[in-house]
Amino acid sequence: MSRNSALSPRLQGKVAIVTGAASGIGASAASLFNDHGAKVVIADIQDNLGQTLADHLGPNVTYIHCDVTDEDQVCDLVDATMAKHGCVDIMYSNAGIVEDAGTILDLDKGELQRILGINLVGAFLTAKHAARVMVPARKGCIIFTASACTEVAGIAGHSYVASKYGIVGLMKNLAVELGSHGIRANCVSPFGVLTGIVARDDKTKLMFDGLMSAVGNLKGKILTAEDVAKAALYLASEEASYVSGLNLVVDGGYSVVNPTLTKVKSAGQS
C-alpha cells in the first residue's frame, strides 16, 4: 500500500463489485479499491485467475463466478454480496470483449450479437441488479468501462463501437433516473490499453507501446490499466460525490485533436 493510501483510504468501509476483474483493468481496479479500504467482490468467468487474485489481495476480497450475460448469475452475484456484506456501494461494470476490426461488409451478425450481449446487455444487467439494492438504500455508485471510441470515430470495430455508445447512453439515462434516489452513474472511457494474456508477451507489449507512442497525443506516457483504475477510483470516491452523468475520457487528449491541422503543419515544416 502506498503512503497516501495508508494515510487517506478513499473507499474506507465501502463494498464494491467489479465485473471482469480477474485480469486487465478490472484486476487493477479490484486491487486499487482494496488498497483504499473497500471490501471487494471480484466477478468473472476466469475462475483460476479470479480466485488467485482474490487470495493474493487478502481477506477483504472474494471471488464469485459470474457470466454477465446470464441474469440469474448477475442476480446471484448481487444477492451473495448483500448476504456477505449487507450492502453494495459501488458497482463497477467492467466486463467486456473486443473484436477484430473489419469493414461493415465483413461483419458477421453472430459476432455483433455476441459483442452486444457481453458488453451492453451485461452492463444493463449489472446496473439493473445494482440498482435493485441501491434504490432502497438511497445511495450508491455505478461505473461502466466504455471507450474513447465514443468520442472519436474510426479507432475500433463497428460492433465494439456500437456496444460502447450503448453503454454511454445507458449511463446517461441511469444518471437521470437514479439521481432521484441519490445514486450516481458514470463512465470511464480509456484509449488503447494492453490487457489480458497478451500483455504478458514482451514482444507484443513492445509493439503495442511503440504504436501507442506514435499515435498518442500525450507524449512520454503510455496508458496502462492502472491509470484507468485510478480514474474509476475517483468516480467511486467521495471526491466525486456530485459527479454523475459523466463520460470520463482517459485518452491523453487524443479525442480533442484535429489531425488535419497537425498534418498541414508537418507538411509545411518538411
Protein backbone atom coordinates (compact mmCIF):
# COMPACT_ATOMS: atom_id res chain seq x y z
CA MET A 1 0.00 0.00 0.00
CA SER A 2 1.29 3.46 -0.87
CA ARG A 3 1.93 6.09 1.78
CA ASN A 4 -1.01 8.19 0.53
CA SER A 5 -3.33 5.17 0.52
CA ALA A 6 -2.34 4.31 4.07
CA LEU A 7 -2.98 7.84 5.29
CA SER A 8 -6.24 8.51 3.50
CA PRO A 9 -8.07 5.47 2.09
CA ARG A 10 -10.72 6.86 -0.25
CA LEU A 11 -13.14 3.91 -0.11
CA GLN A 12 -12.93 3.02 3.57
CA GLY A 13 -15.95 0.95 4.63
CA LYS A 14 -17.38 0.71 1.09
CA VAL A 15 -18.43 -2.50 -0.63
CA ALA A 16 -17.56 -2.76 -4.32
CA ILE A 17 -18.36 -5.32 -7.02
CA VAL A 18 -16.04 -5.26 -10.03
CA THR A 19 -17.03 -7.37 -13.04
CA GLY A 20 -14.42 -8.66 -15.46
CA ALA A 21 -11.96 -8.27 -12.58
CA ALA A 22 -9.83 -11.39 -12.94
CA SER A 23 -7.46 -9.58 -15.30
CA GLY A 24 -6.74 -6.28 -17.03
CA ILE A 25 -8.46 -3.08 -15.99
CA GLY A 26 -10.81 -4.91 -13.66
CA ALA A 27 -7.97 -6.59 -11.77
CA SER A 28 -6.19 -3.26 -11.39
CA ALA A 29 -9.40 -1.68 -10.09
CA ALA A 30 -10.04 -4.52 -7.64
CA SER A 31 -6.51 -4.16 -6.27
CA LEU A 32 -6.70 -0.37 -6.03
CA PHE A 33 -10.16 -0.39 -4.42
CA ASN A 34 -8.85 -2.90 -1.88
CA ASP A 35 -5.83 -0.67 -1.19
CA HIS A 36 -8.25 2.15 -0.44
CA GLY A 37 -10.22 0.26 2.16
CA ALA A 38 -13.10 -1.26 0.20
CA LYS A 39 -14.40 -4.78 0.58
CA VAL A 40 -14.19 -6.04 -3.00
CA VAL A 41 -16.05 -8.78 -4.84
CA ILE A 42 -14.27 -9.92 -7.99
CA ALA A 43 -16.75 -11.21 -10.58
CA ASP A 44 -15.56 -13.02 -13.69
CA ILE A 45 -15.74 -16.29 -15.62
CA GLN A 46 -11.96 -16.84 -15.39
CA ASP A 47 -12.16 -18.85 -12.17
CA ASN A 48 -8.50 -19.68 -11.69
CA LEU A 49 -7.32 -16.12 -12.30
CA GLY A 50 -10.12 -14.62 -10.24
CA GLN A 51 -9.62 -16.85 -7.21
CA THR A 52 -5.83 -16.46 -7.35
CA LEU A 53 -6.18 -12.67 -7.38
CA ALA A 54 -8.66 -12.71 -4.50
CA ASP A 55 -6.34 -14.94 -2.44
CA HIS A 56 -3.42 -12.64 -3.21
CA LEU A 57 -5.26 -9.45 -2.23
CA GLY A 58 -6.37 -10.74 1.15
CA PRO A 59 -9.37 -11.30 3.41
CA ASN A 60 -11.39 -8.29 2.24
CA VAL A 61 -11.54 -9.61 -1.34
CA THR A 62 -13.68 -12.51 -2.54
CA TYR A 63 -14.24 -14.12 -5.92
CA ILE A 64 -17.62 -15.10 -7.37
CA HIS A 65 -18.09 -16.74 -10.75
CA CYS A 66 -20.44 -14.63 -12.88
CA ASP A 67 -21.29 -14.56 -16.57
CA VAL A 68 -22.74 -11.07 -17.01
CA THR A 69 -24.91 -12.21 -19.92
CA ASP A 70 -26.83 -14.54 -17.57
CA GLU A 71 -29.30 -12.54 -15.48
CA ASP A 72 -29.66 -15.29 -12.88
CA GLN A 73 -25.91 -15.24 -12.28
CA VAL A 74 -25.86 -11.44 -12.01
CA CYS A 75 -28.77 -11.56 -9.58
CA ASP A 76 -26.97 -14.21 -7.52
CA LEU A 77 -23.78 -12.12 -7.54
CA VAL A 78 -25.56 -9.13 -6.02
CA ASP A 79 -27.52 -11.27 -3.56
CA ALA A 80 -24.35 -13.05 -2.39
CA THR A 81 -22.63 -9.71 -1.87
CA MET A 82 -25.58 -8.43 0.13
CA ALA A 83 -25.61 -11.59 2.24
CA LYS A 84 -21.89 -11.29 3.00
CA HIS A 85 -21.50 -7.52 3.41
CA GLY A 86 -25.01 -6.10 3.86
CA CYS A 87 -24.81 -3.55 1.04
CA VAL A 88 -23.42 -2.70 -2.38
CA ASP A 89 -21.96 0.80 -2.51
CA ILE A 90 -20.12 0.54 -5.84
CA MET A 91 -20.88 -1.48 -8.94
CA TYR A 92 -18.04 -1.22 -11.45
CA SER A 93 -19.38 -2.84 -14.61
CA ASN A 94 -16.15 -3.51 -16.45
CA ALA A 95 -16.61 -6.90 -18.14
CA GLY A 96 -16.25 -6.70 -21.89
CA ILE A 97 -14.60 -8.04 -25.02
CA VAL A 98 -13.14 -6.57 -28.20
CA GLU A 99 -13.39 -7.66 -31.81
CA ASP A 100 -11.10 -7.82 -34.80
CA ALA A 101 -11.81 -4.62 -36.69
CA GLY A 102 -13.15 -5.10 -40.21
CA THR A 103 -15.41 -3.47 -42.75
CA ILE A 104 -19.19 -3.45 -42.46
CA LEU A 105 -19.21 -5.93 -45.36
CA ASP A 106 -17.16 -8.39 -43.31
CA LEU A 107 -19.17 -8.07 -40.09
CA ASP A 108 -20.90 -11.27 -39.00
CA LYS A 109 -24.31 -10.92 -37.35
CA GLY A 110 -23.47 -13.56 -34.76
CA GLU A 111 -20.31 -11.71 -33.74
CA LEU A 112 -22.29 -8.47 -33.47
CA GLN A 113 -24.81 -10.15 -31.17
CA ARG A 114 -22.03 -11.72 -29.08
CA ILE A 115 -20.29 -8.38 -28.50
CA LEU A 116 -23.53 -6.56 -27.74
CA GLY A 117 -24.57 -9.38 -25.41
CA ILE A 118 -21.43 -9.20 -23.28
CA ASN A 119 -20.60 -5.51 -23.45
CA LEU A 120 -24.01 -3.84 -23.49
CA VAL A 121 -26.51 -6.39 -22.16
CA GLY A 122 -24.01 -7.33 -19.46
CA ALA A 123 -23.73 -3.68 -18.45
CA PHE A 124 -27.50 -3.37 -18.38
CA LEU A 125 -27.95 -6.42 -16.17
CA THR A 126 -25.26 -5.42 -13.67
CA ALA A 127 -26.74 -1.93 -13.44
CA LYS A 128 -30.26 -3.31 -13.03
CA HIS A 129 -29.37 -5.55 -10.12
CA ALA A 130 -27.10 -2.98 -8.50
CA ALA A 131 -29.97 -0.51 -8.64
CA ARG A 132 -32.27 -3.14 -7.12
CA VAL A 133 -30.34 -2.94 -3.85
CA MET A 134 -29.11 0.64 -4.10
CA VAL A 135 -32.53 2.27 -4.55
CA PRO A 136 -33.88 1.17 -1.14
CA ALA A 137 -30.61 2.35 0.45
CA ARG A 138 -30.89 5.67 -1.44
CA LYS A 139 -27.18 5.73 -2.18
CA GLY A 140 -24.66 4.09 -4.45
CA CYS A 141 -22.39 4.49 -7.43
CA ILE A 142 -22.48 2.67 -10.77
CA ILE A 143 -19.47 2.93 -13.06
CA PHE A 144 -19.07 1.49 -16.55
CA THR A 145 -15.99 0.94 -18.68
CA ALA A 146 -16.84 2.46 -22.05
CA SER A 147 -14.18 3.58 -24.54
CA ALA A 148 -12.55 6.60 -26.14
CA CYS A 149 -14.23 5.39 -29.34
CA THR A 150 -17.37 7.09 -28.00
CA GLU A 151 -15.60 10.43 -28.50
CA VAL A 152 -13.68 9.93 -31.76
CA ALA A 153 -14.56 7.77 -34.76
CA GLY A 154 -12.53 5.22 -36.62
CA ILE A 155 -10.43 3.70 -33.83
CA ALA A 156 -12.37 0.47 -33.23
CA GLY A 157 -14.61 -2.06 -34.96
CA HIS A 158 -18.29 -1.41 -35.61
CA SER A 159 -19.72 -3.91 -33.11
CA TYR A 160 -17.45 -2.71 -30.32
CA VAL A 161 -18.24 0.94 -31.05
CA ALA A 162 -21.99 0.25 -31.08
CA SER A 163 -21.75 -1.56 -27.74
CA LYS A 164 -19.76 1.22 -26.09
CA TYR A 165 -22.02 4.00 -27.39
CA GLY A 166 -24.91 2.00 -25.96
CA ILE A 167 -23.18 1.91 -22.58
CA VAL A 168 -22.71 5.68 -22.57
CA GLY A 169 -26.37 6.18 -23.46
CA LEU A 170 -27.44 3.76 -20.74
CA MET A 171 -25.24 5.56 -18.21
CA LYS A 172 -26.76 8.96 -19.03
CA ASN A 173 -30.31 7.64 -18.72
CA LEU A 174 -29.44 5.98 -15.40
CA ALA A 175 -27.91 9.21 -14.10
CA VAL A 176 -31.29 10.85 -14.66
CA GLU A 177 -33.48 8.04 -13.30
CA LEU A 178 -31.32 7.04 -10.35
CA GLY A 179 -30.29 10.55 -9.36
CA SER A 180 -33.63 10.93 -7.60
CA HIS A 181 -32.56 8.04 -5.35
CA GLY A 182 -29.15 9.52 -4.55
CA ILE A 183 -27.33 7.12 -6.91
CA ARG A 184 -24.61 8.30 -9.28
CA ALA A 185 -23.80 6.78 -12.71
CA ASN A 186 -20.66 7.49 -14.74
CA CYS A 187 -18.37 6.01 -17.39
CA VAL A 188 -14.62 5.81 -17.66
CA SER A 189 -13.56 5.70 -21.32
CA PRO A 190 -9.95 4.68 -21.96
CA PHE A 191 -7.79 4.96 -25.06
CA GLY A 192 -5.87 1.86 -26.12
CA VAL A 193 -4.79 -0.33 -23.19
CA LEU A 194 -2.92 -3.62 -23.46
CA THR A 195 -4.57 -6.13 -21.12
CA GLY A 196 -5.05 -9.84 -20.63
CA ILE A 197 -2.71 -12.65 -21.58
CA VAL A 198 -1.12 -10.74 -24.48
CA ALA A 199 0.03 -8.05 -22.04
CA ARG A 200 2.48 -10.59 -20.61
CA ASP A 201 4.05 -11.19 -24.01
CA ASP A 202 7.14 -8.94 -24.16
CA LYS A 203 7.21 -8.77 -27.96
CA THR A 204 3.52 -7.84 -28.22
CA LYS A 205 3.90 -5.27 -25.43
CA LEU A 206 6.87 -3.66 -27.17
CA MET A 207 4.96 -3.42 -30.45
CA PHE A 208 1.86 -2.04 -28.73
CA ASP A 209 3.82 0.55 -26.76
CA GLY A 210 5.55 1.68 -29.95
CA LEU A 211 2.22 2.10 -31.72
CA MET A 212 0.63 3.99 -28.84
CA SER A 213 3.68 6.23 -28.51
CA ALA A 214 3.44 7.08 -32.20
CA VAL A 215 -0.29 7.78 -32.39
CA GLY A 216 -0.95 9.09 -28.88
CA ASN A 217 -1.33 12.80 -28.28
CA LEU A 218 0.30 12.92 -24.82
CA LYS A 219 3.94 12.07 -25.42
CA GLY A 220 6.19 10.35 -22.90
CA LYS A 221 3.37 8.27 -21.44
CA ILE A 222 1.62 5.01 -22.40
CA LEU A 223 -1.83 4.42 -20.90
CA THR A 224 -1.95 1.46 -18.50
CA ALA A 225 -4.72 -0.49 -16.80
CA GLU A 226 -3.64 1.12 -13.53
CA ASP A 227 -4.27 4.58 -15.00
CA VAL A 228 -7.83 3.60 -15.89
CA ALA A 229 -8.34 2.10 -12.43
CA LYS A 230 -7.29 5.41 -10.87
CA ALA A 231 -9.97 7.21 -12.90
CA ALA A 232 -12.55 4.66 -11.71
CA LEU A 233 -11.35 5.17 -8.14
CA TYR A 234 -12.04 8.88 -8.43
CA LEU A 235 -15.55 8.25 -9.72
CA ALA A 236 -16.19 5.74 -6.92
CA SER A 237 -14.88 8.03 -4.18
CA GLU A 238 -16.50 10.83 -2.21
CA GLU A 239 -14.32 13.25 -4.16
CA ALA A 240 -16.81 12.70 -6.99
CA SER A 241 -19.86 12.86 -4.72
CA TYR A 242 -21.64 15.34 -7.03
CA VAL A 243 -20.35 13.88 -10.30
CA SER A 244 -22.98 11.97 -12.28
CA GLY A 245 -23.71 11.51 -15.97
CA LEU A 246 -20.03 11.97 -16.88
CA ASN A 247 -18.17 10.10 -19.60
CA LEU A 248 -14.64 10.50 -18.22
CA VAL A 249 -12.35 10.04 -21.23
CA VAL A 250 -8.83 8.89 -20.36
CA ASP A 251 -7.02 9.37 -23.65
CA GLY A 252 -4.32 11.99 -23.14
CA GLY A 253 -6.29 14.48 -25.22
CA TYR A 254 -6.42 12.24 -28.32
CA SER A 255 -10.12 12.79 -28.94
CA VAL A 256 -9.86 16.60 -28.97
CA VAL A 257 -7.11 16.74 -31.59
CA ASN A 258 -7.90 17.74 -35.18
CA PRO A 259 -5.28 15.76 -37.15
CA THR A 260 -5.80 17.84 -40.30
CA LEU A 261 -4.10 20.91 -38.86
CA THR A 262 -1.28 18.78 -37.46
CA LYS A 263 -0.66 17.26 -40.90
CA VAL A 264 -0.64 20.69 -42.54
CA LYS A 265 1.93 21.98 -40.02
CA SER A 266 4.11 18.90 -40.50
CA ALA A 267 3.98 19.28 -44.27
CA GLY A 268 4.93 22.95 -44.01
CA GLN A 269 7.94 22.13 -41.85
CA SER A 270 9.23 19.35 -44.09
